[in-house]
Protein backbone atom coordinates (compact mmCIF):
# COMPACT_ATOMS: atom_id res chain seq x y z
CA UNK A 1 -13.17 -9.10 -7.68
CA UNK A 2 -13.08 -11.80 -4.95
CA UNK A 3 -14.11 -9.28 -2.30
CA UNK A 4 -14.99 -11.65 0.54
CA UNK A 5 -11.99 -13.92 0.03
CA UNK A 6 -9.62 -10.96 0.10
CA UNK A 7 -11.45 -9.48 3.09
CA UNK A 8 -11.26 -12.76 5.05
CA UNK A 9 -7.48 -12.80 4.69
CA UNK A 10 -7.23 -9.25 6.06
CA UNK A 11 -9.65 -10.13 8.86
CA UNK A 12 -7.49 -12.99 10.15
CA UNK A 13 -4.17 -11.23 9.53
CA UNK A 14 -5.06 -8.17 11.57
CA UNK A 15 -6.96 -10.23 14.13
CA UNK A 16 -3.63 -11.91 14.89
CA UNK A 17 -2.15 -8.44 15.21
CA UNK A 18 -4.94 -7.67 17.69
CA UNK A 19 -3.64 -10.46 19.91
CA UNK A 20 0.04 -9.60 19.44
CA UNK A 21 0.32 -5.83 19.62
CA UNK A 22 -1.73 -4.99 22.73
CA UNK A 23 -1.00 -8.11 24.76
CA UNK A 24 2.36 -9.59 23.76
CA UNK A 25 4.26 -7.01 25.80
CA UNK A 26 2.11 -7.85 28.83
CA UNK A 27 2.64 -11.56 28.19
CA UNK A 28 6.42 -11.03 28.08
CA UNK A 29 6.29 -8.94 31.26
CA UNK A 30 4.29 -11.68 33.00
CA UNK A 31 6.89 -14.21 31.80
CA UNK A 32 9.59 -12.28 33.67
CA UNK A 33 11.25 -10.18 30.94
CA UNK A 34 12.43 -6.67 31.88
CA UNK A 35 11.58 -3.52 29.80
CA UNK A 36 14.80 -3.64 27.77
CA UNK A 37 14.27 -7.32 26.92
CA UNK A 38 10.63 -6.59 26.01
CA UNK A 39 11.74 -3.76 23.73
CA UNK A 40 14.30 -6.03 22.05
CA UNK A 41 11.84 -8.89 21.59
CA UNK A 42 9.11 -6.61 20.25
CA UNK A 43 11.70 -5.10 17.90
CA UNK A 44 12.20 -8.54 16.35
CA UNK A 45 8.56 -8.52 15.20
CA UNK A 46 9.19 -5.24 13.43
CA UNK A 47 12.82 -5.88 12.53
CA UNK A 48 12.14 -8.90 10.32
CA UNK A 49 10.00 -6.59 8.19
CA UNK A 50 13.23 -4.91 7.13
CA UNK A 51 14.52 -8.03 5.38
CA UNK A 52 11.65 -10.45 4.78
CA UNK A 53 9.41 -8.33 2.50
CA UNK A 54 12.37 -7.26 0.35
CA UNK A 55 13.65 -10.84 -0.06
CA UNK A 56 10.23 -12.20 -0.98
CA UNK A 57 9.33 -9.14 -3.06
CA UNK A 58 12.45 -9.67 -5.16
CA UNK A 59 11.50 -13.32 -5.71
CA UNK A 60 7.92 -12.44 -6.63
CA UNK A 61 8.74 -9.69 -9.11
CA UNK A 62 11.13 -12.01 -10.94
CA UNK A 63 8.98 -15.16 -10.90
CA UNK A 64 5.48 -13.68 -10.95
CA UNK A 65 4.25 -16.29 -8.43
CA UNK A 66 2.75 -13.81 -5.99
CA UNK A 67 -0.07 -15.74 -4.32
CA UNK A 68 2.15 -18.82 -3.94
CA UNK A 69 4.53 -16.73 -1.82
CA UNK A 70 1.62 -15.54 0.32
CA UNK A 71 0.52 -19.14 0.92
CA UNK A 72 4.02 -20.44 1.63
CA UNK A 73 4.77 -17.57 4.01
CA UNK A 74 1.52 -18.12 5.90
CA UNK A 75 2.19 -21.85 6.32
CA UNK A 76 5.76 -21.31 7.52
CA UNK A 77 4.55 -18.62 9.94
CA UNK A 78 2.32 -21.23 11.64
CA UNK A 79 5.24 -23.64 11.95
CA UNK A 80 7.57 -20.90 13.17
CA UNK A 81 5.21 -19.80 15.94
CA UNK A 82 4.69 -23.41 17.05
CA UNK A 83 8.38 -23.51 18.10
CA UNK A 84 7.33 -21.45 21.13
CA UNK A 85 6.29 -24.69 22.77
CA UNK A 86 9.72 -26.30 22.42
CA UNK A 87 11.97 -23.32 23.31
CA UNK A 88 12.73 -21.47 26.56
CA UNK A 89 14.32 -18.26 27.87
CA UNK A 90 15.19 -15.02 26.09
CA UNK A 91 17.01 -16.61 23.17
CA UNK A 92 14.31 -19.24 22.71
CA UNK A 93 11.67 -16.52 22.60
CA UNK A 94 13.83 -14.51 20.21
CA UNK A 95 14.17 -17.51 17.88
CA UNK A 96 10.42 -18.17 17.88
CA UNK A 97 9.55 -14.53 17.16
CA UNK A 98 12.17 -14.39 14.41
CA UNK A 99 10.94 -17.53 12.63
CA UNK A 100 7.30 -16.56 13.01
CA UNK A 101 7.60 -12.93 11.98
CA UNK A 102 10.03 -13.52 9.10
CA UNK A 103 7.36 -15.46 7.22
CA UNK A 104 4.35 -13.66 8.69
CA UNK A 105 5.76 -10.32 7.50
CA UNK A 106 6.67 -11.71 4.07
CA UNK A 107 3.10 -12.39 2.98
CA UNK A 108 1.22 -9.13 3.65
CA UNK A 109 3.01 -6.85 1.11
CA UNK A 110 2.37 -9.38 -1.63
CA UNK A 111 -1.29 -9.66 -0.64
CA UNK A 112 -1.52 -5.85 -0.85
CA UNK A 113 -0.25 -6.08 -4.45
CA UNK A 114 -2.73 -8.89 -5.21
CA UNK A 115 -5.55 -6.75 -3.81
CA UNK A 116 -4.64 -3.70 -5.90
CA UNK A 117 -4.36 -5.89 -9.00
CA UNK A 118 -7.90 -7.13 -8.39
CA UNK A 119 -9.11 -3.56 -7.84
CA UNK A 120 -7.58 -2.42 -11.15
CA UNK A 121 -9.04 1.01 -12.06
CA UNK A 122 -10.60 1.52 -8.61
CA UNK A 123 -7.56 1.68 -6.28
CA UNK A 124 -9.24 4.16 -3.92
CA UNK A 125 -11.61 1.30 -2.96
CA UNK A 126 -8.74 -0.52 -1.24
CA UNK A 127 -9.90 0.75 2.16
CA UNK A 128 -13.24 -1.05 1.77
CA UNK A 129 -11.34 -4.36 1.64
CA UNK A 130 -8.78 -3.42 4.29
CA UNK A 131 -11.53 -2.36 6.71
CA UNK A 132 -12.21 -6.04 7.50
CA UNK A 133 -8.71 -6.28 8.94
CA UNK A 134 -9.69 -3.55 11.38
CA UNK A 135 -12.89 -5.42 12.23
CA UNK A 136 -10.84 -8.54 13.01
CA UNK A 137 -8.49 -6.50 15.19
CA UNK A 138 -11.39 -5.03 17.16
CA UNK A 139 -13.09 -8.37 17.76
CA UNK A 140 -9.92 -10.01 19.06
CA UNK A 141 -8.58 -7.11 21.10
CA UNK A 142 -11.89 -6.83 22.99
CA UNK A 143 -12.51 -10.56 23.34
CA UNK A 144 -8.98 -11.31 24.50
CA UNK A 145 -9.01 -8.36 26.88
CA UNK A 146 -12.16 -9.73 28.53
CA UNK A 147 -10.71 -13.25 28.57
CA UNK A 148 -7.59 -11.99 30.34
CA UNK A 149 -9.72 -10.54 33.15
CA UNK A 150 -10.84 -14.10 33.89
CA UNK A 151 -7.80 -16.13 32.85
CA UNK A 152 -3.99 -16.04 32.71
CA UNK A 153 -1.78 -14.25 30.19
CA UNK A 154 -0.50 -17.69 29.13
CA UNK A 155 -3.53 -17.91 26.80
CA UNK A 156 -2.20 -15.13 24.54
CA UNK A 157 0.08 -17.44 22.47
CA UNK A 158 -2.82 -19.85 21.92
CA UNK A 159 -4.91 -17.07 20.40
CA UNK A 160 -2.03 -15.98 18.17
CA UNK A 161 -1.42 -19.52 16.93
CA UNK A 162 -5.08 -20.18 16.10
CA UNK A 163 -5.43 -16.88 14.25
CA UNK A 164 -2.25 -17.57 12.28
CA UNK A 165 -3.79 -20.87 11.19
CA UNK A 166 -6.78 -18.80 10.00
CA UNK A 167 -4.44 -16.63 7.91
CA UNK A 168 -2.99 -19.74 6.31
CA UNK A 169 -6.38 -21.21 5.45
CA UNK A 170 -7.75 -18.01 3.91
CA UNK A 171 -4.56 -17.49 1.87
CA UNK A 172 -5.40 -20.66 -0.03
CA UNK A 173 -8.83 -19.26 -0.94
CA UNK A 174 -7.58 -16.09 -2.66
CA UNK A 175 -6.95 -16.34 -6.43
CA UNK A 176 -3.87 -14.77 -7.98
CA UNK A 177 -4.09 -11.72 -10.26
CA UNK A 178 -1.83 -10.43 -13.01
CA UNK A 179 -0.06 -7.13 -12.30
CA UNK A 180 -1.31 -3.95 -13.91
CA UNK A 181 1.53 -3.01 -16.26
CA UNK A 182 0.58 0.66 -16.26
CA UNK A 183 2.18 3.49 -18.20
CA UNK A 184 5.48 3.52 -16.31
CA UNK A 185 6.17 -0.21 -16.20
CA UNK A 186 9.48 0.22 -18.06
CA UNK A 187 10.92 2.37 -15.26
CA UNK A 188 13.46 0.45 -13.19
CA UNK A 189 13.35 0.22 -9.42
CA UNK A 190 16.80 1.83 -9.20
CA UNK A 191 15.58 4.85 -11.17
CA UNK A 192 12.54 5.21 -8.95
CA UNK A 193 14.65 5.08 -5.79
CA UNK A 194 16.78 8.00 -7.01
CA UNK A 195 13.71 10.24 -7.10
CA UNK A 196 13.77 12.80 -4.22
CA UNK A 197 10.02 12.43 -3.67
CA UNK A 198 10.36 8.67 -3.22
CA UNK A 199 13.19 9.10 -0.71
CA UNK A 200 11.20 11.73 1.19
CA UNK A 201 8.13 9.48 1.19
CA UNK A 202 10.04 6.55 2.66
CA UNK A 203 11.73 8.86 5.19
CA UNK A 204 8.37 10.17 6.37
CA UNK A 205 6.97 6.64 6.62
CA UNK A 206 10.01 5.52 8.65
CA UNK A 207 9.57 8.37 11.14
CA UNK A 208 5.82 7.83 11.46
CA UNK A 209 6.24 4.14 12.20
CA UNK A 210 9.10 4.85 14.60
CA UNK A 211 6.60 6.82 16.67
CA UNK A 212 4.10 3.95 16.42
CA UNK A 213 6.78 1.43 17.45
CA UNK A 214 6.90 3.07 20.88
CA UNK A 215 3.11 2.99 21.07
CA UNK A 216 2.79 -0.67 20.05
CA UNK A 217 5.43 -1.88 22.50
CA UNK A 218 4.53 0.17 25.57
CA UNK A 219 0.98 1.54 25.37
CA UNK A 220 -0.58 -1.40 27.22
CA UNK A 221 2.19 -1.37 29.84
CA UNK A 222 1.65 2.40 30.21
CA UNK A 223 -2.07 1.93 30.77
CA UNK A 224 -1.65 -0.96 33.20
CA UNK A 225 0.85 1.05 35.27
CA UNK A 226 -1.71 3.86 35.45
CA UNK A 227 -4.25 1.45 36.95
CA UNK A 228 -6.37 0.45 33.96
CA UNK A 229 -7.72 -3.12 33.88
CA UNK A 230 -7.08 -5.60 31.06
CA UNK A 231 -10.63 -5.07 29.84
CA UNK A 232 -10.16 -1.29 29.78
CA UNK A 233 -6.87 -1.71 27.91
CA UNK A 234 -8.65 -3.84 25.32
CA UNK A 235 -11.46 -1.33 24.88
CA UNK A 236 -9.04 1.57 24.44
CA UNK A 237 -7.18 -0.36 21.74
CA UNK A 238 -10.51 -1.24 20.15
CA UNK A 239 -11.63 2.40 20.22
CA UNK A 240 -8.61 3.37 18.12
CA UNK A 241 -9.38 0.70 15.57
CA UNK A 242 -13.10 1.57 15.50
CA UNK A 243 -12.01 5.08 14.52
CA UNK A 244 -9.77 3.47 11.90
CA UNK A 245 -12.74 1.50 10.52
CA UNK A 246 -14.82 4.66 10.19
CA UNK A 247 -12.08 6.49 8.29
CA UNK A 248 -11.59 3.50 5.98
CA UNK A 249 -15.28 3.63 5.04
CA UNK A 250 -14.90 7.19 3.70
CA UNK A 251 -11.24 7.01 2.67
CA UNK A 252 -11.95 6.72 -1.04
CA UNK A 253 -13.83 10.03 -0.88
CA UNK A 254 -11.02 11.75 1.05
CA UNK A 255 -8.40 10.54 -1.43
CA UNK A 256 -10.47 11.63 -4.42
CA UNK A 257 -11.17 15.07 -2.92
CA UNK A 258 -7.90 16.02 -1.21
CA UNK A 259 -5.29 13.71 -2.75
CA UNK A 260 -3.08 11.19 -1.00
CA UNK A 261 -0.18 13.57 -0.35
CA UNK A 262 -2.29 16.10 1.54
CA UNK A 263 -3.94 13.35 3.61
CA UNK A 264 -0.48 12.00 4.46
CA UNK A 265 0.68 15.42 5.71
CA UNK A 266 -2.34 15.88 7.97
CA UNK A 267 -1.84 12.39 9.40
CA UNK A 268 1.78 13.13 10.33
CA UNK A 269 0.86 16.41 12.02
CA UNK A 270 -1.88 14.77 14.08
CA UNK A 271 0.57 12.03 15.06
CA UNK A 272 2.62 14.58 16.99
CA UNK A 273 -0.49 15.65 18.90
CA UNK A 274 -1.57 12.09 19.66
CA UNK A 275 1.69 10.93 21.25
CA UNK A 276 1.87 14.00 23.49
CA UNK A 277 -1.67 13.39 24.75
CA UNK A 278 -0.92 9.74 25.56
CA UNK A 279 2.42 10.45 27.23
CA UNK A 280 1.29 13.33 29.44
CA UNK A 281 -2.41 12.78 30.14
CA UNK A 282 -2.70 9.02 30.80
CA UNK A 283 -4.65 9.65 34.01
CA UNK A 284 -7.43 11.42 32.10
CA UNK A 285 -9.72 8.96 30.35
CA UNK A 286 -11.39 11.66 28.26
CA UNK A 287 -8.02 12.73 26.84
CA UNK A 288 -7.11 9.10 26.09
CA UNK A 289 -10.45 8.79 24.30
CA UNK A 290 -9.53 11.70 22.01
CA UNK A 291 -6.02 10.33 21.50
CA UNK A 292 -7.35 6.94 20.46
CA UNK A 293 -9.81 8.53 18.05
CA UNK A 294 -6.78 10.11 16.38
CA UNK A 295 -5.77 6.58 15.36
CA UNK A 296 -8.11 7.21 12.44
CA UNK A 297 -5.56 9.71 11.15
CA UNK A 298 -2.22 8.38 12.39
CA UNK A 299 -2.78 4.85 11.14
CA UNK A 300 -5.96 4.60 9.05
CA UNK A 301 -5.62 7.68 6.85
CA UNK A 302 -1.83 7.49 6.83
CA UNK A 303 -1.68 3.86 5.72
CA UNK A 304 -4.43 4.18 3.10
CA UNK A 305 -2.79 7.24 1.55
CA UNK A 306 0.69 5.69 1.73
CA UNK A 307 -0.37 2.43 0.12
CA UNK A 308 -2.15 4.46 -2.57
CA UNK A 309 1.07 6.37 -3.30
CA UNK A 310 3.08 3.15 -3.44
CA UNK A 311 0.61 1.67 -5.93
CA UNK A 312 0.97 4.70 -8.22
CA UNK A 313 4.70 5.16 -7.70
CA UNK A 314 5.75 1.54 -8.31
CA UNK A 315 3.90 0.17 -11.36
CA UNK A 316 4.19 -3.08 -13.27
CA UNK A 317 7.06 -5.38 -12.35
CA UNK A 318 8.25 -3.07 -9.54
CA UNK A 319 4.94 -3.46 -7.70
CA UNK A 320 5.93 -6.24 -5.29
CA UNK A 321 9.24 -4.63 -4.39
CA UNK A 322 7.56 -1.26 -3.93
CA UNK A 323 5.08 -2.71 -1.44
CA UNK A 324 7.93 -4.63 0.20
CA UNK A 325 10.08 -1.51 0.59
CA UNK A 326 7.16 0.38 2.12
CA UNK A 327 6.66 -2.37 4.69
CA UNK A 328 10.39 -2.84 5.29
CA UNK A 329 11.36 0.80 5.79
CA UNK A 330 8.26 1.90 7.70
CA UNK A 331 6.72 -0.96 9.70
CA UNK A 332 10.07 -2.80 9.69
CA UNK A 333 12.95 -0.38 10.26
CA UNK A 334 10.74 2.33 11.76
CA UNK A 335 8.82 -0.01 14.03
CA UNK A 336 11.98 -1.76 15.22
CA UNK A 337 13.71 1.55 15.94
CA UNK A 338 10.69 2.73 17.92
CA UNK A 339 10.55 -0.46 20.00
CA UNK A 340 14.26 -0.25 20.81
CA UNK A 341 14.14 3.46 21.64
CA UNK A 342 11.13 2.82 23.87
CA UNK A 343 12.95 -0.01 25.65
CA UNK A 344 16.01 2.16 26.26
CA UNK A 345 14.07 5.19 27.53
CA UNK A 346 11.13 3.68 29.40
CA UNK A 347 12.64 2.81 32.79
CA UNK A 348 14.90 5.86 33.21
CA UNK A 349 13.25 8.67 31.25
CA UNK A 350 9.63 7.68 31.85
CA UNK A 351 6.51 7.55 29.65
CA UNK A 352 6.16 11.30 29.02
CA UNK A 353 9.62 11.67 27.51
CA UNK A 354 9.38 8.35 25.65
CA UNK A 355 6.11 9.30 23.96
CA UNK A 356 7.51 12.81 23.50
CA UNK A 357 10.26 11.30 21.34
CA UNK A 358 7.49 9.66 19.30
CA UNK A 359 5.81 13.06 18.87
CA UNK A 360 9.07 14.61 17.65
CA UNK A 361 9.53 11.77 15.14
CA UNK A 362 6.04 12.32 13.69
CA UNK A 363 6.62 16.07 13.34
CA UNK A 364 9.98 15.47 11.66
CA UNK A 365 8.18 13.13 9.26
CA UNK A 366 5.73 15.93 8.45
CA UNK A 367 8.64 18.31 7.78
CA UNK A 368 10.38 15.83 5.46
CA UNK A 369 7.18 15.13 3.49
CA UNK A 370 6.21 18.83 3.28
CA UNK A 371 9.66 19.97 2.16
CA UNK A 372 10.75 17.25 -0.26
CA UNK A 373 7.80 15.08 -1.28
CA UNK A 374 6.75 17.41 -4.06
CA UNK A 375 7.71 15.66 -7.31
CA UNK A 376 5.47 14.59 -10.16
CA UNK A 377 5.64 10.95 -9.03
CA UNK A 378 3.45 11.60 -5.98
CA UNK A 379 0.93 14.10 -7.32
CA UNK A 380 -2.02 11.73 -6.92
């Protein structure tokens, strides 16, 4: 298995996320955009995940050229982001974010499939590769937070562009891998999508990422309004991802002992707790510390168990489209819905109610998964 080449891709991919997610909202605010505009622009980053992974997943599963799609998407993402320097205003920003994120979002689901194909009979070891993405996120979120204490927010796009170039370069280092045909490879995607457990799984993922969409778009703004410095904002983001790294290191043991479905349910329940703590107790650093440690569950454990279930539920030629649907319906549709809801509620309803909506979404996701995600397909 090309462990370090796979890990380097994840490192750069999530390092770019470390520049985008915590600081892009602040950059947009500094550029003069109001909360509704920020919510709409941040929703584009998530919204393209609805279409892009499905389009490219369909192409990949019919052609078999998986790593070529990853490389092409990474290269076009660099070119798309570079349009930032020749556009202006809301619609110019919207165009740049659309072009960038359409190709940026297309590559990750296919790389997930490549990774699992390399892992073969050891899929629970996925987290040991993915952990390097969390390391990249931590390094950038802290370093950029410290840089912003000494310099302007205008440097944020430069960081994003350079890290996207890193994604492109590492994509060309990763070798392709043939899909594992598995025992259910003859099952069609349409048949799988009629399964109640699959529908419940995607519903729970949508609701969980809806709650995270609010967090990604407005957490930094929430902290800054409460008086936290850019450095403190960076460290709080980093704390969450450090907790994520620690859970990834033991994730294979948790999955083997408790099963992915049970881990998923616990993650959803703790999501409801986390959003309430952030929304109501922002003035209390100790409470924020606890809330950020819960990122280990709400993102780390949730994503590792979800990606494990996708790998088992969508075998053979449905693999790329299964990963694409997971990204599209959760990080895409769910994340976009969360960003838009946050933008609509933030100014009038306030942070407590906005994050309260996120808590309700996570609890509803738990209810959907507990009630309906009980078929044979997801007993792993």
